[in-house]
All heavy atoms as atom14 arrays in JSON, in Angstrom:
{
  "sequence": "NFQAALFNKKAFNLAKLVQNITTAVESRAKSI",
  "atom14_mask": [
    [1, 1, 1, 1, 1, 1, 1, 1, 0, 0, 0, 0, 0, 0],
    [1, 1, 1, 1, 1, 1, 1, 1, 1, 1, 1, 0, 0, 0],
    [1, 1, 1, 1, 1, 1, 1, 1, 1, 0, 0, 0, 0, 0],
    [1, 1, 1, 1, 1, 0, 0, 0, 0, 0, 0, 0, 0, 0],
    [1, 1, 1, 1, 1, 0, 0, 0, 0, 0, 0, 0, 0, 0],
    [1, 1, 1, 1, 1, 1, 1, 1, 0, 0, 0, 0, 0, 0],
    [1, 1, 1, 1, 1, 1, 1, 1, 1, 1, 1, 0, 0, 0],
    [1, 1, 1, 1, 1, 1, 1, 1, 0, 0, 0, 0, 0, 0],
    [1, 1, 1, 1, 1, 1, 1, 1, 1, 0, 0, 0, 0, 0],
    [1, 1, 1, 1, 1, 1, 1, 1, 1, 0, 0, 0, 0, 0],
    [1, 1, 1, 1, 1, 0, 0, 0, 0, 0, 0, 0, 0, 0],
    [1, 1, 1, 1, 1, 1, 1, 1, 1, 1, 1, 0, 0, 0],
    [1, 1, 1, 1, 1, 1, 1, 1, 0, 0, 0, 0, 0, 0],
    [1, 1, 1, 1, 1, 1, 1, 1, 0, 0, 0, 0, 0, 0],
    [1, 1, 1, 1, 1, 0, 0, 0, 0, 0, 0, 0, 0, 0],
    [1, 1, 1, 1, 1, 1, 1, 1, 1, 0, 0, 0, 0, 0],
    [1, 1, 1, 1, 1, 1, 1, 1, 0, 0, 0, 0, 0, 0],
    [1, 1, 1, 1, 1, 1, 1, 0, 0, 0, 0, 0, 0, 0],
    [1, 1, 1, 1, 1, 1, 1, 1, 1, 0, 0, 0, 0, 0],
    [1, 1, 1, 1, 1, 1, 1, 1, 0, 0, 0, 0, 0, 0],
    [1, 1, 1, 1, 1, 1, 1, 1, 0, 0, 0, 0, 0, 0],
    [1, 1, 1, 1, 1, 1, 1, 0, 0, 0, 0, 0, 0, 0],
    [1, 1, 1, 1, 1, 1, 1, 0, 0, 0, 0, 0, 0, 0],
    [1, 1, 1, 1, 1, 0, 0, 0, 0, 0, 0, 0, 0, 0],
    [1, 1, 1, 1, 1, 1, 1, 0, 0, 0, 0, 0, 0, 0],
    [1, 1, 1, 1, 1, 1, 1, 1, 1, 0, 0, 0, 0, 0],
    [1, 1, 1, 1, 1, 1, 0, 0, 0, 0, 0, 0, 0, 0],
    [1, 1, 1, 1, 1, 1, 1, 1, 1, 1, 1, 0, 0, 0],
    [1, 1, 1, 1, 1, 0, 0, 0, 0, 0, 0, 0, 0, 0],
    [1, 1, 1, 1, 1, 1, 1, 1, 1, 0, 0, 0, 0, 0],
    [1, 1, 1, 1, 1, 1, 0, 0, 0, 0, 0, 0, 0, 0],
    [1, 1, 1, 1, 1, 1, 1, 1, 0, 0, 0, 0, 0, 0]
  ],
  "atom14_positions": [
    [[15.13, 37.57, 32.5], [16.46, 37.33, 33.09], [16.82, 35.86, 33.1], [18.0, 35.49, 32.92], [16.48, 37.9, 34.51], [16.45, 39.43, 34.53], [16.95, 40.06, 33.61], [15.86, 40.01, 35.54], [0.0, 0.0, 0.0], [0.0, 0.0, 0.0], [0.0, 0.0, 0.0], [0.0, 0.0, 0.0], [0.0, 0.0, 0.0], [0.0, 0.0, 0.0]],
    [[15.84, 35.0, 33.3], [16.06, 33.56, 33.27], [16.58, 33.14, 31.87], [17.53, 32.4, 31.73], [14.76, 32.85, 33.61], [14.8, 31.36, 33.33], [15.48, 30.48, 34.15], [14.13, 30.83, 32.22], [15.49, 29.11, 33.91], [14.15, 29.48, 31.96], [14.84, 28.62, 32.8], [0.0, 0.0, 0.0], [0.0, 0.0, 0.0], [0.0, 0.0, 0.0]],
    [[15.88, 33.61, 30.82], [16.26, 33.27, 29.5], [17.62, 33.94, 29.1], [18.47, 33.29, 28.47], [15.18, 33.72, 28.51], [15.48, 33.42, 27.03], [15.15, 31.96, 26.67], [15.19, 31.1, 27.53], [14.87, 31.72, 25.41], [0.0, 0.0, 0.0], [0.0, 0.0, 0.0], [0.0, 0.0, 0.0], [0.0, 0.0, 0.0], [0.0, 0.0, 0.0]],
    [[17.81, 35.17, 29.56], [19.03, 35.88, 29.23], [20.23, 35.16, 29.83], [21.32, 35.13, 29.23], [18.97, 37.33, 29.77], [0.0, 0.0, 0.0], [0.0, 0.0, 0.0], [0.0, 0.0, 0.0], [0.0, 0.0, 0.0], [0.0, 0.0, 0.0], [0.0, 0.0, 0.0], [0.0, 0.0, 0.0], [0.0, 0.0, 0.0], [0.0, 0.0, 0.0]],
    [[20.05, 34.55, 31.01], [21.13, 33.82, 31.62], [21.63, 32.64, 30.73], [22.82, 32.28, 30.8], [20.69, 33.27, 33.0], [0.0, 0.0, 0.0], [0.0, 0.0, 0.0], [0.0, 0.0, 0.0], [0.0, 0.0, 0.0], [0.0, 0.0, 0.0], [0.0, 0.0, 0.0], [0.0, 0.0, 0.0], [0.0, 0.0, 0.0], [0.0, 0.0, 0.0]],
    [[20.71, 32.1, 29.93], [21.13, 31.04, 29.03], [22.06, 31.53, 27.93], [22.81, 30.77, 27.34], [19.91, 30.4, 28.36], [18.86, 29.78, 29.29], [17.67, 29.22, 28.53], [19.54, 28.67, 30.13], [0.0, 0.0, 0.0], [0.0, 0.0, 0.0], [0.0, 0.0, 0.0], [0.0, 0.0, 0.0], [0.0, 0.0, 0.0], [0.0, 0.0, 0.0]],
    [[22.03, 32.86, 27.71], [22.91, 33.49, 26.74], [24.1, 34.14, 27.44], [24.85, 34.91, 26.85], [22.16, 34.53, 25.92], [21.07, 34.0, 25.05], [19.78, 33.87, 25.48], [21.36, 33.62, 23.76], [18.78, 33.37, 24.67], [20.39, 33.1, 22.91], [19.07, 32.98, 23.4], [0.0, 0.0, 0.0], [0.0, 0.0, 0.0], [0.0, 0.0, 0.0]],
    [[24.17, 33.94, 28.77], [25.2, 34.57, 29.6], [25.1, 36.08, 29.55], [26.09, 36.79, 29.51], [26.63, 34.13, 29.16], [26.85, 32.65, 29.4], [26.49, 32.13, 30.44], [27.42, 31.98, 28.42], [0.0, 0.0, 0.0], [0.0, 0.0, 0.0], [0.0, 0.0, 0.0], [0.0, 0.0, 0.0], [0.0, 0.0, 0.0], [0.0, 0.0, 0.0]],
    [[23.87, 36.57, 29.54], [23.6, 38.01, 29.49], [22.77, 38.37, 30.71], [22.01, 37.55, 31.26], [22.85, 38.41, 28.23], [23.53, 38.03, 26.92], [24.69, 38.94, 26.62], [25.25, 38.63, 25.23], [26.34, 39.5, 24.83], [0.0, 0.0, 0.0], [0.0, 0.0, 0.0], [0.0, 0.0, 0.0], [0.0, 0.0, 0.0], [0.0, 0.0, 0.0]],
    [[22.88, 39.63, 31.15], [22.07, 40.07, 32.29], [21.33, 41.37, 32.03], [20.53, 41.78, 32.84], [22.96, 40.22, 33.52], [23.51, 38.91, 34.06], [24.25, 39.08, 35.37], [24.76, 37.76, 35.87], [25.5, 37.91, 37.15], [0.0, 0.0, 0.0], [0.0, 0.0, 0.0], [0.0, 0.0, 0.0], [0.0, 0.0, 0.0], [0.0, 0.0, 0.0]],
    [[21.57, 42.02, 30.93], [20.97, 43.3, 30.62], [19.44, 43.13, 30.48], [18.99, 42.16, 29.86], [21.55, 43.91, 29.36], [0.0, 0.0, 0.0], [0.0, 0.0, 0.0], [0.0, 0.0, 0.0], [0.0, 0.0, 0.0], [0.0, 0.0, 0.0], [0.0, 0.0, 0.0], [0.0, 0.0, 0.0], [0.0, 0.0, 0.0], [0.0, 0.0, 0.0]],
    [[18.67, 44.07, 31.04], [17.23, 44.0, 30.98], [16.7, 45.19, 30.25], [16.86, 46.34, 30.67], [16.63, 43.91, 32.39], [15.15, 43.92, 32.43], [14.43, 42.97, 31.75], [14.46, 44.85, 33.18], [13.06, 42.99, 31.77], [13.12, 44.89, 33.22], [12.37, 43.94, 32.52], [0.0, 0.0, 0.0], [0.0, 0.0, 0.0], [0.0, 0.0, 0.0]],
    [[16.08, 44.96, 29.1], [15.55, 46.06, 28.25], [14.13, 46.4, 28.69], [13.18, 45.91, 28.12], [15.6, 45.63, 26.79], [15.34, 46.81, 25.87], [14.7, 47.78, 26.25], [15.83, 46.71, 24.64], [0.0, 0.0, 0.0], [0.0, 0.0, 0.0], [0.0, 0.0, 0.0], [0.0, 0.0, 0.0], [0.0, 0.0, 0.0], [0.0, 0.0, 0.0]],
    [[14.01, 47.26, 29.71], [12.69, 47.57, 30.24], [11.81, 48.3, 29.23], [10.63, 48.02, 29.13], [12.83, 48.45, 31.51], [11.53, 48.87, 32.18], [10.77, 47.66, 32.64], [11.83, 49.81, 33.36], [0.0, 0.0, 0.0], [0.0, 0.0, 0.0], [0.0, 0.0, 0.0], [0.0, 0.0, 0.0], [0.0, 0.0, 0.0], [0.0, 0.0, 0.0]],
    [[12.39, 49.2, 28.47], [11.6, 49.98, 27.49], [10.96, 49.04, 26.46], [9.76, 49.17, 26.1], [12.5, 51.0, 26.81], [0.0, 0.0, 0.0], [0.0, 0.0, 0.0], [0.0, 0.0, 0.0], [0.0, 0.0, 0.0], [0.0, 0.0, 0.0], [0.0, 0.0, 0.0], [0.0, 0.0, 0.0], [0.0, 0.0, 0.0], [0.0, 0.0, 0.0]],
    [[11.72, 48.09, 25.97], [11.22, 47.16, 24.97], [10.13, 46.27, 25.58], [9.12, 45.98, 24.95], [12.33, 46.27, 24.4], [11.95, 45.37, 23.27], [11.59, 46.15, 22.03], [11.28, 45.2, 20.87], [12.51, 44.51, 20.35], [0.0, 0.0, 0.0], [0.0, 0.0, 0.0], [0.0, 0.0, 0.0], [0.0, 0.0, 0.0], [0.0, 0.0, 0.0]],
    [[10.34, 45.86, 26.81], [9.33, 45.03, 27.49], [8.02, 45.77, 27.67], [6.94, 45.25, 27.41], [9.87, 44.57, 28.85], [8.91, 43.68, 29.64], [8.6, 42.38, 28.89], [9.52, 43.31, 30.99], [0.0, 0.0, 0.0], [0.0, 0.0, 0.0], [0.0, 0.0, 0.0], [0.0, 0.0, 0.0], [0.0, 0.0, 0.0], [0.0, 0.0, 0.0]],
    [[8.13, 47.05, 28.12], [6.93, 47.85, 28.34], [6.16, 48.02, 27.05], [4.94, 47.97, 27.01], [7.3, 49.22, 28.95], [6.1, 50.17, 28.9], [7.82, 49.08, 30.35], [0.0, 0.0, 0.0], [0.0, 0.0, 0.0], [0.0, 0.0, 0.0], [0.0, 0.0, 0.0], [0.0, 0.0, 0.0], [0.0, 0.0, 0.0], [0.0, 0.0, 0.0]],
    [[6.89, 48.2, 25.95], [6.24, 48.36, 24.63], [5.46, 47.13, 24.28], [4.33, 47.21, 23.81], [7.33, 48.64, 23.58], [6.76, 48.8, 22.16], [7.87, 48.97, 21.15], [9.03, 49.19, 21.5], [7.53, 48.9, 19.88], [0.0, 0.0, 0.0], [0.0, 0.0, 0.0], [0.0, 0.0, 0.0], [0.0, 0.0, 0.0], [0.0, 0.0, 0.0]],
    [[6.04, 45.95, 24.5], [5.37, 44.69, 24.18], [4.19, 44.44, 25.14], [3.15, 43.91, 24.75], [6.35, 43.54, 24.27], [7.22, 43.43, 23.03], [6.9, 42.67, 22.12], [8.32, 44.17, 23.02], [0.0, 0.0, 0.0], [0.0, 0.0, 0.0], [0.0, 0.0, 0.0], [0.0, 0.0, 0.0], [0.0, 0.0, 0.0], [0.0, 0.0, 0.0]],
    [[4.37, 44.81, 26.41], [3.34, 44.57, 27.4], [2.08, 45.4, 27.12], [0.94, 44.96, 27.3], [3.9, 44.85, 28.79], [4.73, 43.66, 29.26], [2.76, 45.1, 29.8], [5.42, 43.89, 30.59], [0.0, 0.0, 0.0], [0.0, 0.0, 0.0], [0.0, 0.0, 0.0], [0.0, 0.0, 0.0], [0.0, 0.0, 0.0], [0.0, 0.0, 0.0]],
    [[2.28, 46.62, 26.69], [1.14, 47.54, 26.47], [0.13, 46.94, 25.51], [-1.08, 46.96, 25.81], [1.64, 48.87, 25.9], [2.55, 49.49, 26.85], [0.48, 49.84, 25.66], [0.0, 0.0, 0.0], [0.0, 0.0, 0.0], [0.0, 0.0, 0.0], [0.0, 0.0, 0.0], [0.0, 0.0, 0.0], [0.0, 0.0, 0.0], [0.0, 0.0, 0.0]],
    [[0.59, 46.35, 24.45], [-0.3, 45.71, 23.48], [-0.98, 44.49, 24.07], [-2.19, 44.3, 23.91], [0.46, 45.3, 22.23], [1.07, 46.45, 21.63], [-0.48, 44.7, 21.18], [0.0, 0.0, 0.0], [0.0, 0.0, 0.0], [0.0, 0.0, 0.0], [0.0, 0.0, 0.0], [0.0, 0.0, 0.0], [0.0, 0.0, 0.0], [0.0, 0.0, 0.0]],
    [[-0.23, 43.67, 24.76], [-0.76, 42.42, 25.35], [-1.8, 42.76, 26.41], [-2.89, 42.09, 26.46], [0.36, 41.6, 25.96], [0.0, 0.0, 0.0], [0.0, 0.0, 0.0], [0.0, 0.0, 0.0], [0.0, 0.0, 0.0], [0.0, 0.0, 0.0], [0.0, 0.0, 0.0], [0.0, 0.0, 0.0], [0.0, 0.0, 0.0], [0.0, 0.0, 0.0]],
    [[-1.54, 43.72, 27.26], [-2.44, 44.08, 28.34], [-3.77, 44.64, 27.79], [-4.85, 44.27, 28.29], [-1.77, 45.13, 29.27], [-2.83, 45.82, 30.13], [-0.75, 44.45, 30.15], [0.0, 0.0, 0.0], [0.0, 0.0, 0.0], [0.0, 0.0, 0.0], [0.0, 0.0, 0.0], [0.0, 0.0, 0.0], [0.0, 0.0, 0.0], [0.0, 0.0, 0.0]],
    [[-3.7, 45.46, 26.82], [-4.91, 46.07, 26.23], [-5.86, 44.98, 25.71], [-7.04, 44.97, 26.0], [-4.53, 47.0, 25.09], [-5.67, 47.79, 24.51], [-6.09, 48.95, 25.4], [-5.27, 49.41, 26.24], [-7.23, 49.42, 25.23], [0.0, 0.0, 0.0], [0.0, 0.0, 0.0], [0.0, 0.0, 0.0], [0.0, 0.0, 0.0], [0.0, 0.0, 0.0]],
    [[-5.27, 44.05, 24.98], [-6.06, 42.97, 24.4], [-6.63, 42.03, 25.47], [-7.82, 41.7, 25.42], [-5.16, 42.15, 23.43], [-5.85, 41.0, 22.96], [0.0, 0.0, 0.0], [0.0, 0.0, 0.0], [0.0, 0.0, 0.0], [0.0, 0.0, 0.0], [0.0, 0.0, 0.0], [0.0, 0.0, 0.0], [0.0, 0.0, 0.0], [0.0, 0.0, 0.0]],
    [[-5.81, 41.65, 26.42], [-6.24, 40.7, 27.45], [-7.28, 41.3, 28.38], [-8.26, 40.64, 28.74], [-5.01, 40.23, 28.24], [-5.34, 39.21, 29.3], [-5.83, 37.92, 28.68], [-6.23, 36.95, 29.7], [-7.35, 36.27, 29.68], [-8.18, 36.39, 28.69], [-7.63, 35.46, 30.66], [0.0, 0.0, 0.0], [0.0, 0.0, 0.0], [0.0, 0.0, 0.0]],
    [[-7.11, 42.54, 28.79], [-8.06, 43.19, 29.7], [-9.45, 43.3, 29.06], [-10.47, 43.01, 29.7], [-7.58, 44.57, 30.1], [0.0, 0.0, 0.0], [0.0, 0.0, 0.0], [0.0, 0.0, 0.0], [0.0, 0.0, 0.0], [0.0, 0.0, 0.0], [0.0, 0.0, 0.0], [0.0, 0.0, 0.0], [0.0, 0.0, 0.0], [0.0, 0.0, 0.0]],
    [[-9.5, 43.67, 27.8], [-10.74, 43.76, 27.09], [-11.44, 42.42, 26.96], [-12.65, 42.28, 27.07], [-10.54, 44.38, 25.71], [-10.23, 45.87, 25.72], [-10.06, 46.42, 24.32], [-9.73, 47.91, 24.33], [-9.55, 48.45, 22.97], [0.0, 0.0, 0.0], [0.0, 0.0, 0.0], [0.0, 0.0, 0.0], [0.0, 0.0, 0.0], [0.0, 0.0, 0.0]],
    [[-10.62, 41.37, 26.78], [-11.13, 40.01, 26.68], [-11.77, 39.56, 28.0], [-12.85, 38.94, 28.02], [-10.0, 39.06, 26.28], [-10.47, 37.69, 26.25], [0.0, 0.0, 0.0], [0.0, 0.0, 0.0], [0.0, 0.0, 0.0], [0.0, 0.0, 0.0], [0.0, 0.0, 0.0], [0.0, 0.0, 0.0], [0.0, 0.0, 0.0], [0.0, 0.0, 0.0]],
    [[-11.13, 39.87, 29.12], [-11.66, 39.53, 30.44], [-13.02, 40.17, 30.68], [-13.98, 39.56, 31.1], [-10.66, 39.88, 31.53], [-9.44, 38.99, 31.47], [-11.33, 39.79, 32.91], [-8.32, 39.38, 32.42], [0.0, 0.0, 0.0], [0.0, 0.0, 0.0], [0.0, 0.0, 0.0], [0.0, 0.0, 0.0], [0.0, 0.0, 0.0], [0.0, 0.0, 0.0]]
  ]
}
């Protein structure tokens, strides 16, 4: 939302974020 404000946008794409987070979380948790 902070970055989107720089584009004068407020829409939050939760589905796309969740998709990106799933990959990041899997990798990071295994690393820990």
